[in-house]
Amino acid sequence: MNTPLTQTEILETLRQVIDPEVGCNIVDLGLVYSASCQDGKAVVTMTLTTQGCPMHESLCGGAQNALLTLPGVTEAEVQLVWEPPWNPSMMTEDGRAIVGTQY
């Protein structure tokens, strides 16, 4: 019997997805609002730093591809939301260290 994936395991996998504009992963940037997996379907709710982000498809596709590498995941859905709007205070300490004074 497979043990269900935890949110921590999902977030660790999503750290592989790097925003090339700022050189930081989407988790430490604070873009991921929720992550879960049930019955082989991983669902992530996330945002982007701006609605006009040119990396929209790359980041969402990267998140979906990363989720599909997890054991037991057969389907991955990335839900893009704009509320609450992203702001720099959502970054982790690691994210702030990576980005530096850019934000």
PDB file of N, CA and C in Angstrom:
ATOM      1  N   MET A   1       0.850  -1.189   0.000  1.00  0.00           N
ATOM      2  CA  MET A   1       0.000   0.000   0.000  1.00  0.00           C
ATOM      3  C   MET A   1       0.887   1.241   0.000  1.00  0.00           C
ATOM      4  N   ASN A   2       0.589   2.163  -0.877  1.00  0.00           N
ATOM      5  CA  ASN A   2       1.372   3.388  -0.965  1.00  0.00           C
ATOM      6  C   ASN A   2       0.980   4.359   0.133  1.00  0.00           C
ATOM      7  N   THR A   3       1.991   4.983   0.705  1.00  0.00           N
ATOM      8  CA  THR A   3       1.753   6.022   1.697  1.00  0.00           C
ATOM      9  C   THR A   3       1.445   7.309   0.944  1.00  0.00           C
ATOM     10  N   PRO A   4       0.399   8.025   1.332  1.00  0.00           N
ATOM     11  CA  PRO A   4       0.085   9.285   0.647  1.00  0.00           C
ATOM     12  C   PRO A   4       1.236  10.282   0.758  1.00  0.00           C
ATOM     13  N   LEU A   5       1.423  11.042  -0.293  1.00  0.00           N
ATOM     14  CA  LEU A   5       2.448  12.082  -0.283  1.00  0.00           C
ATOM     15  C   LEU A   5       2.045  13.194   0.674  1.00  0.00           C
ATOM     16  N   THR A   6       3.020  13.727   1.360  1.00  0.00           N
ATOM     17  CA  THR A   6       2.748  14.852   2.253  1.00  0.00           C
ATOM     18  C   THR A   6       2.946  16.162   1.492  1.00  0.00           C
ATOM     19  N   GLN A   7       2.422  17.224   2.050  1.00  0.00           N
ATOM     20  CA  GLN A   7       2.612  18.536   1.445  1.00  0.00           C
ATOM     21  C   GLN A   7       4.102  18.870   1.405  1.00  0.00           C
ATOM     22  N   THR A   8       4.842  18.478   2.440  1.00  0.00           N
ATOM     23  CA  THR A   8       6.277  18.744   2.486  1.00  0.00           C
ATOM     24  C   THR A   8       6.990  18.061   1.325  1.00  0.00           C
ATOM     25  N   GLU A   9       6.627  16.813   1.036  1.00  0.00           N
ATOM     26  CA  GLU A   9       7.250  16.095  -0.082  1.00  0.00           C
ATOM     27  C   GLU A   9       6.938  16.765  -1.421  1.00  0.00           C
ATOM     28  N   ILE A  10       5.720  17.217  -1.558  1.00  0.00           N
ATOM     29  CA  ILE A  10       5.326  17.897  -2.796  1.00  0.00           C
ATOM     30  C   ILE A  10       6.094  19.206  -2.943  1.00  0.00           C
ATOM     31  N   LEU A  11       6.169  19.978  -1.862  1.00  0.00           N
ATOM     32  CA  LEU A  11       6.875  21.257  -1.920  1.00  0.00           C
ATOM     33  C   LEU A  11       8.357  21.061  -2.218  1.00  0.00           C
ATOM     34  N   GLU A  12       8.964  20.026  -1.638  1.00  0.00           N
ATOM     35  CA  GLU A  12      10.377  19.754  -1.926  1.00  0.00           C
ATOM     36  C   GLU A  12      10.583  19.499  -3.415  1.00  0.00           C
ATOM     37  N   THR A  13       9.674  18.776  -4.025  1.00  0.00           N
ATOM     38  CA  THR A  13       9.762  18.504  -5.460  1.00  0.00           C
ATOM     39  C   THR A  13       9.576  19.788  -6.263  1.00  0.00           C
ATOM     40  N   LEU A  14       8.666  20.651  -5.827  1.00  0.00           N
ATOM     41  CA  LEU A  14       8.416  21.902  -6.548  1.00  0.00           C
ATOM     42  C   LEU A  14       9.591  22.872  -6.450  1.00  0.00           C
ATOM     43  N   ARG A  15      10.499  22.649  -5.502  1.00  0.00           N
ATOM     44  CA  ARG A  15      11.691  23.497  -5.398  1.00  0.00           C
ATOM     45  C   ARG A  15      12.604  23.329  -6.626  1.00  0.00           C
ATOM     46  N   GLN A  16      12.355  22.311  -7.420  1.00  0.00           N
ATOM     47  CA  GLN A  16      13.111  22.119  -8.669  1.00  0.00           C
ATOM     48  C   GLN A  16      12.728  23.153  -9.722  1.00  0.00           C
ATOM     49  N   VAL A  17      11.568  23.768  -9.562  1.00  0.00           N
ATOM     50  CA  VAL A  17      11.056  24.702 -10.568  1.00  0.00           C
ATOM     51  C   VAL A  17      11.585  26.101 -10.242  1.00  0.00           C
ATOM     52  N   ILE A  18      12.474  26.580 -11.096  1.00  0.00           N
ATOM     53  CA  ILE A  18      13.154  27.848 -10.874  1.00  0.00           C
ATOM     54  C   ILE A  18      12.568  28.926 -11.781  1.00  0.00           C
ATOM     55  N   ASP A  19      12.290  30.087 -11.205  1.00  0.00           N
ATOM     56  CA  ASP A  19      11.894  31.248 -12.008  1.00  0.00           C
ATOM     57  C   ASP A  19      13.189  31.825 -12.576  1.00  0.00           C
ATOM     58  N   PRO A  20      13.415  31.680 -13.882  1.00  0.00           N
ATOM     59  CA  PRO A  20      14.693  32.114 -14.449  1.00  0.00           C
ATOM     60  C   PRO A  20      14.902  33.630 -14.391  1.00  0.00           C
ATOM     61  N   GLU A  21      13.830  34.384 -14.253  1.00  0.00           N
ATOM     62  CA  GLU A  21      13.983  35.838 -14.186  1.00  0.00           C
ATOM     63  C   GLU A  21      14.631  36.288 -12.883  1.00  0.00           C
ATOM     64  N   VAL A  22      14.401  35.525 -11.806  1.00  0.00           N
ATOM     65  CA  VAL A  22      14.959  35.915 -10.504  1.00  0.00           C
ATOM     66  C   VAL A  22      15.909  34.874  -9.932  1.00  0.00           C
ATOM     67  N   GLY A  23      15.998  33.698 -10.545  1.00  0.00           N
ATOM     68  CA  GLY A  23      16.934  32.672 -10.111  1.00  0.00           C
ATOM     69  C   GLY A  23      16.568  32.001  -8.801  1.00  0.00           C
ATOM     70  N   CYS A  24      15.278  31.951  -8.504  1.00  0.00           N
ATOM     71  CA  CYS A  24      14.814  31.357  -7.252  1.00  0.00           C
ATOM     72  C   CYS A  24      13.670  30.398  -7.560  1.00  0.00           C
ATOM     73  N   ASN A  25      13.531  29.350  -6.739  1.00  0.00           N
ATOM     74  CA  ASN A  25      12.458  28.386  -6.976  1.00  0.00           C
ATOM     75  C   ASN A  25      11.100  28.958  -6.554  1.00  0.00           C
ATOM     76  N   ILE A  26      10.035  28.359  -7.092  1.00  0.00           N
ATOM     77  CA  ILE A  26       8.688  28.885  -6.881  1.00  0.00           C
ATOM     78  C   ILE A  26       8.209  28.738  -5.438  1.00  0.00           C
ATOM     79  N   VAL A  27       8.748  27.770  -4.702  1.00  0.00           N
ATOM     80  CA  VAL A  27       8.341  27.597  -3.304  1.00  0.00           C
ATOM     81  C   VAL A  27       8.942  28.707  -2.446  1.00  0.00           C
ATOM     82  N   ASP A  28      10.255  28.921  -2.572  1.00  0.00           N
ATOM     83  CA  ASP A  28      10.892  29.958  -1.756  1.00  0.00           C
ATOM     84  C   ASP A  28      10.502  31.364  -2.193  1.00  0.00           C
ATOM     85  N   LEU A  29      10.036  31.508  -3.428  1.00  0.00           N
ATOM     86  CA  LEU A  29       9.505  32.807  -3.858  1.00  0.00           C
ATOM     87  C   LEU A  29       8.140  33.088  -3.228  1.00  0.00           C
ATOM     88  N   GLY A  30       7.495  32.046  -2.693  1.00  0.00           N
ATOM     89  CA  GLY A  30       6.174  32.218  -2.093  1.00  0.00           C
ATOM     90  C   GLY A  30       5.045  32.146  -3.096  1.00  0.00           C
ATOM     91  N   LEU A  31       5.305  31.532  -4.237  1.00  0.00           N
ATOM     92  CA  LEU A  31       4.283  31.458  -5.281  1.00  0.00           C
ATOM     93  C   LEU A  31       3.308  30.313  -5.087  1.00  0.00           C
ATOM     94  N   VAL A  32       3.685  29.302  -4.295  1.00  0.00           N
ATOM     95  CA  VAL A  32       2.829  28.135  -4.092  1.00  0.00           C
ATOM     96  C   VAL A  32       1.955  28.367  -2.860  1.00  0.00           C
ATOM     97  N   TYR A  33       0.648  28.377  -3.049  1.00  0.00           N
ATOM     98  CA  TYR A  33      -0.288  28.613  -1.946  1.00  0.00           C
ATOM     99  C   TYR A  33      -0.753  27.320  -1.283  1.00  0.00           C
ATOM    100  N   SER A  34      -0.912  26.247  -2.068  1.00  0.00           N
ATOM    101  CA  SER A  34      -1.308  24.967  -1.480  1.00  0.00           C
ATOM    102  C   SER A  34      -0.860  23.845  -2.395  1.00  0.00           C
ATOM    103  N   ALA A  35      -0.690  22.664  -1.783  1.00  0.00           N
ATOM    104  CA  ALA A  35      -0.272  21.488  -2.540  1.00  0.00           C
ATOM    105  C   ALA A  35      -0.835  20.264  -1.841  1.00  0.00           C
ATOM    106  N   SER A  36      -1.434  19.372  -2.625  1.00  0.00           N
ATOM    107  CA  SER A  36      -1.985  18.147  -2.048  1.00  0.00           C
ATOM    108  C   SER A  36      -1.987  17.056  -3.096  1.00  0.00           C
ATOM    109  N   CYS A  37      -2.160  15.835  -2.624  1.00  0.00           N
ATOM    110  CA  CYS A  37      -2.251  14.696  -3.531  1.00  0.00           C
ATOM    111  C   CYS A  37      -3.243  13.697  -2.954  1.00  0.00           C
ATOM    112  N   GLN A  38      -4.170  13.284  -3.796  1.00  0.00           N
ATOM    113  CA  GLN A  38      -5.154  12.296  -3.371  1.00  0.00           C
ATOM    114  C   GLN A  38      -5.474  11.392  -4.554  1.00  0.00           C
ATOM    115  N   ASP A  39      -5.460  10.099  -4.302  1.00  0.00           N
ATOM    116  CA  ASP A  39      -5.784   9.106  -5.329  1.00  0.00           C
ATOM    117  C   ASP A  39      -4.968   9.300  -6.608  1.00  0.00           C
ATOM    118  N   GLY A  40      -3.685   9.623  -6.448  1.00  0.00           N
ATOM    119  CA  GLY A  40      -2.797   9.764  -7.595  1.00  0.00           C
ATOM    120  C   GLY A  40      -2.857  11.100  -8.300  1.00  0.00           C
ATOM    121  N   LYS A  41      -3.717  11.994  -7.838  1.00  0.00           N
ATOM    122  CA  LYS A  41      -3.822  13.307  -8.466  1.00  0.00           C
ATOM    123  C   LYS A  41      -3.217  14.365  -7.553  1.00  0.00           C
ATOM    124  N   ALA A  42      -2.169  15.015  -8.040  1.00  0.00           N
ATOM    125  CA  ALA A  42      -1.536  16.108  -7.306  1.00  0.00           C
ATOM    126  C   ALA A  42      -2.144  17.419  -7.791  1.00  0.00           C
ATOM    127  N   VAL A  43      -2.483  18.277  -6.844  1.00  0.00           N
ATOM    128  CA  VAL A  43      -3.069  19.573  -7.172  1.00  0.00           C
ATOM    129  C   VAL A  43      -2.273  20.655  -6.446  1.00  0.00           C
ATOM    130  N   VAL A  44      -1.843  21.642  -7.213  1.00  0.00           N
ATOM    131  CA  VAL A  44      -1.105  22.770  -6.651  1.00  0.00           C
ATOM    132  C   VAL A  44      -1.828  24.047  -7.028  1.00  0.00           C
ATOM    133  N   THR A  45      -2.019  24.902  -6.055  1.00  0.00           N
ATOM    134  CA  THR A  45      -2.560  26.234  -6.304  1.00  0.00           C
ATOM    135  C   THR A  45      -1.403  27.204  -6.151  1.00  0.00           C
ATOM    136  N   MET A  46      -1.187  28.000  -7.180  1.00  0.00           N
ATOM    137  CA  MET A  46      -0.053  28.921  -7.149  1.00  0.00           C
ATOM    138  C   MET A  46      -0.399  30.215  -7.872  1.00  0.00           C
ATOM    139  N   THR A  47       0.491  31.171  -7.725  1.00  0.00           N
ATOM    140  CA  THR A  47       0.343  32.445  -8.406  1.00  0.00           C
ATOM    141  C   THR A  47       1.660  32.764  -9.085  1.00  0.00           C
ATOM    142  N   LEU A  48       1.744  33.926  -9.668  1.00  0.00           N
ATOM    143  CA  LEU A  48       2.976  34.418 -10.271  1.00  0.00           C
ATOM    144  C   LEU A  48       3.266  35.793  -9.687  1.00  0.00           C
ATOM    145  N   THR A  49       4.480  36.271  -9.880  1.00  0.00           N
ATOM    146  CA  THR A  49       4.831  37.564  -9.283  1.00  0.00           C
ATOM    147  C   THR A  49       4.010  38.696  -9.889  1.00  0.00           C
ATOM    148  N   THR A  50       3.657  38.577 -11.172  1.00  0.00           N
ATOM    149  CA  THR A  50       2.796  39.564 -11.829  1.00  0.00           C
ATOM    150  C   THR A  50       1.878  38.840 -12.804  1.00  0.00           C
ATOM    151  N   GLN A  51       0.719  39.426 -13.078  1.00  0.00           N
ATOM    152  CA  GLN A  51      -0.221  38.782 -14.002  1.00  0.00           C
ATOM    153  C   GLN A  51       0.328  38.706 -15.416  1.00  0.00           C
ATOM    154  N   GLY A  52       1.197  39.621 -15.771  1.00  0.00           N
ATOM    155  CA  GLY A  52       1.769  39.609 -17.115  1.00  0.00           C
ATOM    156  C   GLY A  52       3.091  38.871 -17.180  1.00  0.00           C
ATOM    157  N   CYS A  53       3.357  38.030 -16.196  1.00  0.00           N
ATOM    158  CA  CYS A  53       4.639  37.317 -16.122  1.00  0.00           C
ATOM    159  C   CYS A  53       4.914  36.565 -17.424  1.00  0.00           C
ATOM    160  N   PRO A  54       6.036  36.869 -18.100  1.00  0.00           N
ATOM    161  CA  PRO A  54       6.331  36.190 -19.357  1.00  0.00           C
ATOM    162  C   PRO A  54       6.682  34.712 -19.175  1.00  0.00           C
ATOM    163  N   MET A  55       6.947  34.299 -17.936  1.00  0.00           N
ATOM    164  CA  MET A  55       7.317  32.910 -17.668  1.00  0.00           C
ATOM    165  C   MET A  55       6.114  32.057 -17.263  1.00  0.00           C
ATOM    166  N   HIS A  56       4.912  32.570 -17.466  1.00  0.00           N
ATOM    167  CA  HIS A  56       3.670  31.903 -17.062  1.00  0.00           C
ATOM    168  C   HIS A  56       3.644  30.434 -17.472  1.00  0.00           C
ATOM    169  N   GLU A  57       3.759  30.163 -18.764  1.00  0.00           N
ATOM    170  CA  GLU A  57       3.649  28.785 -19.246  1.00  0.00           C
ATOM    171  C   GLU A  57       4.810  27.933 -18.754  1.00  0.00           C
ATOM    172  N   SER A  58       5.993  28.502 -18.719  1.00  0.00           N
ATOM    173  CA  SER A  58       7.172  27.763 -18.292  1.00  0.00           C
ATOM    174  C   SER A  58       7.068  27.344 -16.826  1.00  0.00           C
ATOM    175  N   LEU A  59       6.630  28.250 -15.963  1.00  0.00           N
ATOM    176  CA  LEU A  59       6.535  27.953 -14.537  1.00  0.00           C
ATOM    177  C   LEU A  59       5.403  26.964 -14.239  1.00  0.00           C
ATOM    178  N   CYS A  60       4.260  27.172 -14.837  1.00  0.00           N
ATOM    179  CA  CYS A  60       3.131  26.249 -14.608  1.00  0.00           C
ATOM    180  C   CYS A  60       3.437  24.876 -15.188  1.00  0.00           C
ATOM    181  N   GLY A  61       4.007  24.836 -16.383  1.00  0.00           N
ATOM    182  CA  GLY A  61       4.377  23.569 -16.994  1.00  0.00           C
ATOM    183  C   GLY A  61       5.471  22.866 -16.206  1.00  0.00           C
ATOM    184  N   GLY A  62       6.431  23.647 -15.710  1.00  0.00           N
ATOM    185  CA  GLY A  62       7.495  23.080 -14.895  1.00  0.00           C
ATOM    186  C   GLY A  62       6.949  22.474 -13.613  1.00  0.00           C
ATOM    187  N   ALA A  63       5.994  23.149 -12.997  1.00  0.00           N
ATOM    188  CA  ALA A  63       5.378  22.624 -11.772  1.00  0.00           C
ATOM    189  C   ALA A  63       4.640  21.327 -12.072  1.00  0.00           C
ATOM    190  N   GLN A  64       3.896  21.312 -13.160  1.00  0.00           N
ATOM    191  CA  GLN A  64       3.149  20.105 -13.524  1.00  0.00           C
ATOM    192  C   GLN A  64       4.107  18.947 -13.801  1.00  0.00           C
ATOM    193  N   ASN A  65       5.168  19.199 -14.552  1.00  0.00           N
ATOM    194  CA  ASN A  65       6.138  18.146 -14.852  1.00  0.00           C
ATOM    195  C   ASN A  65       6.823  17.641 -13.587  1.00  0.00           C
ATOM    196  N   ALA A  66       7.146  18.535 -12.667  1.00  0.00           N
ATOM    197  CA  ALA A  66       7.786  18.127 -11.411  1.00  0.00           C
ATOM    198  C   ALA A  66       6.848  17.229 -10.606  1.00  0.00           C
ATOM    199  N   LEU A  67       5.575  17.596 -10.552  1.00  0.00           N
ATOM    200  CA  LEU A  67       4.605  16.790  -9.810  1.00  0.00           C
ATOM    201  C   LEU A  67       4.502  15.379 -10.373  1.00  0.00           C
ATOM    202  N   LEU A  68       4.585  15.265 -11.690  1.00  0.00           N
ATOM    203  CA  LEU A  68       4.447  13.955 -12.333  1.00  0.00           C
ATOM    204  C   LEU A  68       5.638  13.038 -12.064  1.00  0.00           C
ATOM    205  N   THR A  69       6.728  13.577 -11.510  1.00  0.00           N
ATOM    206  CA  THR A  69       7.877  12.730 -11.161  1.00  0.00           C
ATOM    207  C   THR A  69       7.706  12.073  -9.797  1.00  0.00           C
ATOM    208  N   LEU A  70       6.732  12.528  -9.029  1.00  0.00           N
ATOM    209  CA  LEU A  70       6.524  11.979  -7.689  1.00  0.00           C
ATOM    210  C   LEU A  70       5.955  10.568  -7.765  1.00  0.00           C
ATOM    211  N   PRO A  71       6.406   9.682  -6.880  1.00  0.00           N
ATOM    212  CA  PRO A  71       5.887   8.311  -6.899  1.00  0.00           C
ATOM    213  C   PRO A  71       4.387   8.274  -6.610  1.00  0.00           C
ATOM    214  N   GLY A  72       3.662   7.546  -7.443  1.00  0.00           N
ATOM    215  CA  GLY A  72       2.226   7.397  -7.253  1.00  0.00           C
ATOM    216  C   GLY A  72       1.387   8.472  -7.909  1.00  0.00           C
ATOM    217  N   VAL A  73       2.014   9.534  -8.418  1.00  0.00           N
ATOM    218  CA  VAL A  73       1.256  10.607  -9.065  1.00  0.00           C
ATOM    219  C   VAL A  73       1.041  10.240 -10.528  1.00  0.00           C
ATOM    220  N   THR A  74      -0.222  10.156 -10.909  1.00  0.00           N
ATOM    221  CA  THR A  74      -0.565   9.825 -12.291  1.00  0.00           C
ATOM    222  C   THR A  74      -1.202  11.007 -13.020  1.00  0.00           C
ATOM    223  N   GLU A  75      -1.581  12.012 -12.256  1.00  0.00           N
ATOM    224  CA  GLU A  75      -2.214  13.209 -12.828  1.00  0.00           C
ATOM    225  C   GLU A  75      -1.773  14.412 -12.006  1.00  0.00           C
ATOM    226  N   ALA A  76      -1.513  15.521 -12.687  1.00  0.00           N
ATOM    227  CA  ALA A  76      -1.085  16.728 -11.981  1.00  0.00           C
ATOM    228  C   ALA A  76      -1.845  17.929 -12.525  1.00  0.00           C
ATOM    229  N   GLU A  77      -2.345  18.724 -11.609  1.00  0.00           N
ATOM    230  CA  GLU A  77      -3.101  19.922 -11.986  1.00  0.00           C
ATOM    231  C   GLU A  77      -2.489  21.131 -11.289  1.00  0.00           C
ATOM    232  N   VAL A  78      -2.237  22.173 -12.062  1.00  0.00           N
ATOM    233  CA  VAL A  78      -1.733  23.428 -11.512  1.00  0.00           C
ATOM    234  C   VAL A  78      -2.833  24.460 -11.686  1.00  0.00           C
ATOM    235  N   GLN A  79      -3.320  24.964 -10.567  1.00  0.00           N
ATOM    236  CA  GLN A  79      -4.363  25.991 -10.588  1.00  0.00           C
ATOM    237  C   GLN A  79      -3.701  27.342 -10.364  1.00  0.00           C
ATOM    238  N   LEU A  80      -3.803  28.216 -11.350  1.00  0.00           N
ATOM    239  CA  LEU A  80      -3.208  29.543 -11.258  1.00  0.00           C
ATOM    240  C   LEU A  80      -4.247  30.526 -10.739  1.00  0.00           C
ATOM    241  N   VAL A  81      -3.917  31.208  -9.658  1.00  0.00           N
ATOM    242  CA  VAL A  81      -4.838  32.169  -9.047  1.00  0.00           C
ATOM    243  C   VAL A  81      -4.137  33.520  -8.885  1.00  0.00           C
ATOM    244  N   TRP A  82      -4.930  34.554  -8.728  1.00  0.00           N
ATOM    245  CA  TRP A  82      -4.376  35.909  -8.550  1.00  0.00           C
ATOM    246  C   TRP A  82      -4.738  36.504  -7.199  1.00  0.00           C
ATOM    247  N   GLU A  83      -5.494  35.768  -6.409  1.00  0.00           N
ATOM    248  CA  GLU A  83      -5.864  36.211  -5.067  1.00  0.00           C
ATOM    249  C   GLU A  83      -5.413  35.178  -4.061  1.00  0.00           C
ATOM    250  N   PRO A  84      -4.742  35.532  -3.021  1.00  0.00           N
ATOM    251  CA  PRO A  84      -4.235  36.882  -2.774  1.00  0.00           C
ATOM    252  C   PRO A  84      -3.083  37.193  -3.719  1.00  0.00           C
ATOM    253  N   PRO A  85      -2.935  38.468  -4.063  1.00  0.00           N
ATOM    254  CA  PRO A  85      -1.843  38.837  -4.955  1.00  0.00           C
ATOM    255  C   PRO A  85      -0.494  38.605  -4.272  1.00  0.00           C
ATOM    256  N   TRP A  86       0.473  38.172  -5.065  1.00  0.00           N
ATOM    257  CA  TRP A  86       1.814  37.919  -4.536  1.00  0.00           C
ATOM    258  C   TRP A  86       2.475  39.231  -4.124  1.00  0.00           C
ATOM    259  N   ASN A  87       3.259  39.173  -3.062  1.00  0.00           N
ATOM    260  CA  ASN A  87       4.113  40.297  -2.696  1.00  0.00           C
ATOM    261  C   ASN A  87       5.377  39.734  -2.067  1.00  0.00           C
ATOM    262  N   PRO A  88       6.454  40.507  -2.032  1.00  0.00           N
ATOM    263  CA  PRO A  88       7.746  39.998  -1.562  1.00  0.00           C
ATOM    264  C   PRO A  88       7.735  39.441  -0.139  1.00  0.00           C
ATOM    265  N   SER A  89       6.789  39.848   0.689  1.00  0.00           N
ATOM    266  CA  SER A  89       6.759  39.326   2.059  1.00  0.00           C
ATOM    267  C   SER A  89       6.400  37.844   2.098  1.00  0.00           C
ATOM    268  N   MET A  90       5.915  37.301   0.985  1.00  0.00           N
ATOM    269  CA  MET A  90       5.540  35.882   0.920  1.00  0.00           C
ATOM    270  C   MET A  90       6.754  34.975   0.728  1.00  0.00           C
ATOM    271  N   MET A  91       7.906  35.547   0.413  1.00  0.00           N
ATOM    272  CA  MET A  91       9.107  34.744   0.208  1.00  0.00           C
ATOM    273  C   MET A  91       9.603  34.182   1.527  1.00  0.00           C
ATOM    274  N   THR A  92      10.227  33.008   1.445  1.00  0.00           N
ATOM    275  CA  THR A  92      10.867  32.435   2.624  1.00  0.00           C
ATOM    276  C   THR A  92      12.181  33.178   2.870  1.00  0.00           C
ATOM    277  N   GLU A  93      12.777  32.924   4.021  1.00  0.00           N
ATOM    278  CA  GLU A  93      14.089  33.528   4.289  1.00  0.00           C
ATOM    279  C   GLU A  93      15.097  33.079   3.244  1.00  0.00           C
ATOM    280  N   ASP A  94      15.032  31.802   2.854  1.00  0.00           N
ATOM    281  CA  ASP A  94      15.925  31.303   1.808  1.00  0.00           C
ATOM    282  C   ASP A  94      15.692  32.052   0.500  1.00  0.00           C
ATOM    283  N   GLY A  95      14.429  32.280   0.179  1.00  0.00           N
ATOM    284  CA  GLY A  95      14.101  33.014  -1.043  1.00  0.00           C
ATOM    285  C   GLY A  95      14.672  34.424  -1.039  1.00  0.00           C
ATOM    286  N   ARG A  96      14.525  35.085   0.110  1.00  0.00           N
ATOM    287  CA  ARG A  96      15.076  36.445   0.214  1.00  0.00           C
ATOM    288  C   ARG A  96      16.590  36.434   0.081  1.00  0.00           C
ATOM    289  N   ALA A  97      17.238  35.419   0.636  1.00  0.00           N
ATOM    290  CA  ALA A  97      18.695  35.316   0.549  1.00  0.00           C
ATOM    291  C   ALA A  97      19.122  35.076  -0.904  1.00  0.00           C
ATOM    292  N   ILE A  98      18.361  34.254  -1.627  1.00  0.00           N
ATOM    293  CA  ILE A  98      18.685  33.948  -3.023  1.00  0.00           C
ATOM    294  C   ILE A  98      18.494  35.190  -3.891  1.00  0.00           C
ATOM    295  N   VAL A  99      17.380  35.870  -3.698  1.00  0.00           N
ATOM    296  CA  VAL A  99      17.035  37.009  -4.542  1.00  0.00           C
ATOM    297  C   VAL A  99      17.816  38.256  -4.137  1.00  0.00           C
ATOM    298  N   GLY A 100      18.153  38.364  -2.859  1.00  0.00           N
ATOM    299  CA  GLY A 100      18.903  39.518  -2.386  1.00  0.00           C
ATOM    300  C   GLY A 100      18.057  40.775  -2.389  1.00  0.00           C
ATOM    301  N   THR A 101      18.606  41.822  -2.885  1.00  0.00           N
ATOM    302  CA  THR A 101      17.923  43.121  -2.831  1.00  0.00           C
ATOM    303  C   THR A 101      17.006  43.350  -4.025  1.00  0.00           C
ATOM    304  N   GLN A 102      16.852  42.345  -4.883  1.00  0.00           N
ATOM    305  CA  GLN A 102      16.011  42.511  -6.068  1.00  0.00           C
ATOM    306  C   GLN A 102      14.575  42.843  -5.694  1.00  0.00           C
ATOM    307  N   TYR A 103      14.088  42.302  -4.556  1.00  0.00           N
ATOM    308  CA  TYR A 103      12.726  42.590  -4.114  1.00  0.00           C
ATOM    309  C   TYR A 103      12.804  43.308  -2.821  1.00  0.00           C
TER     310      TYR A 103
END
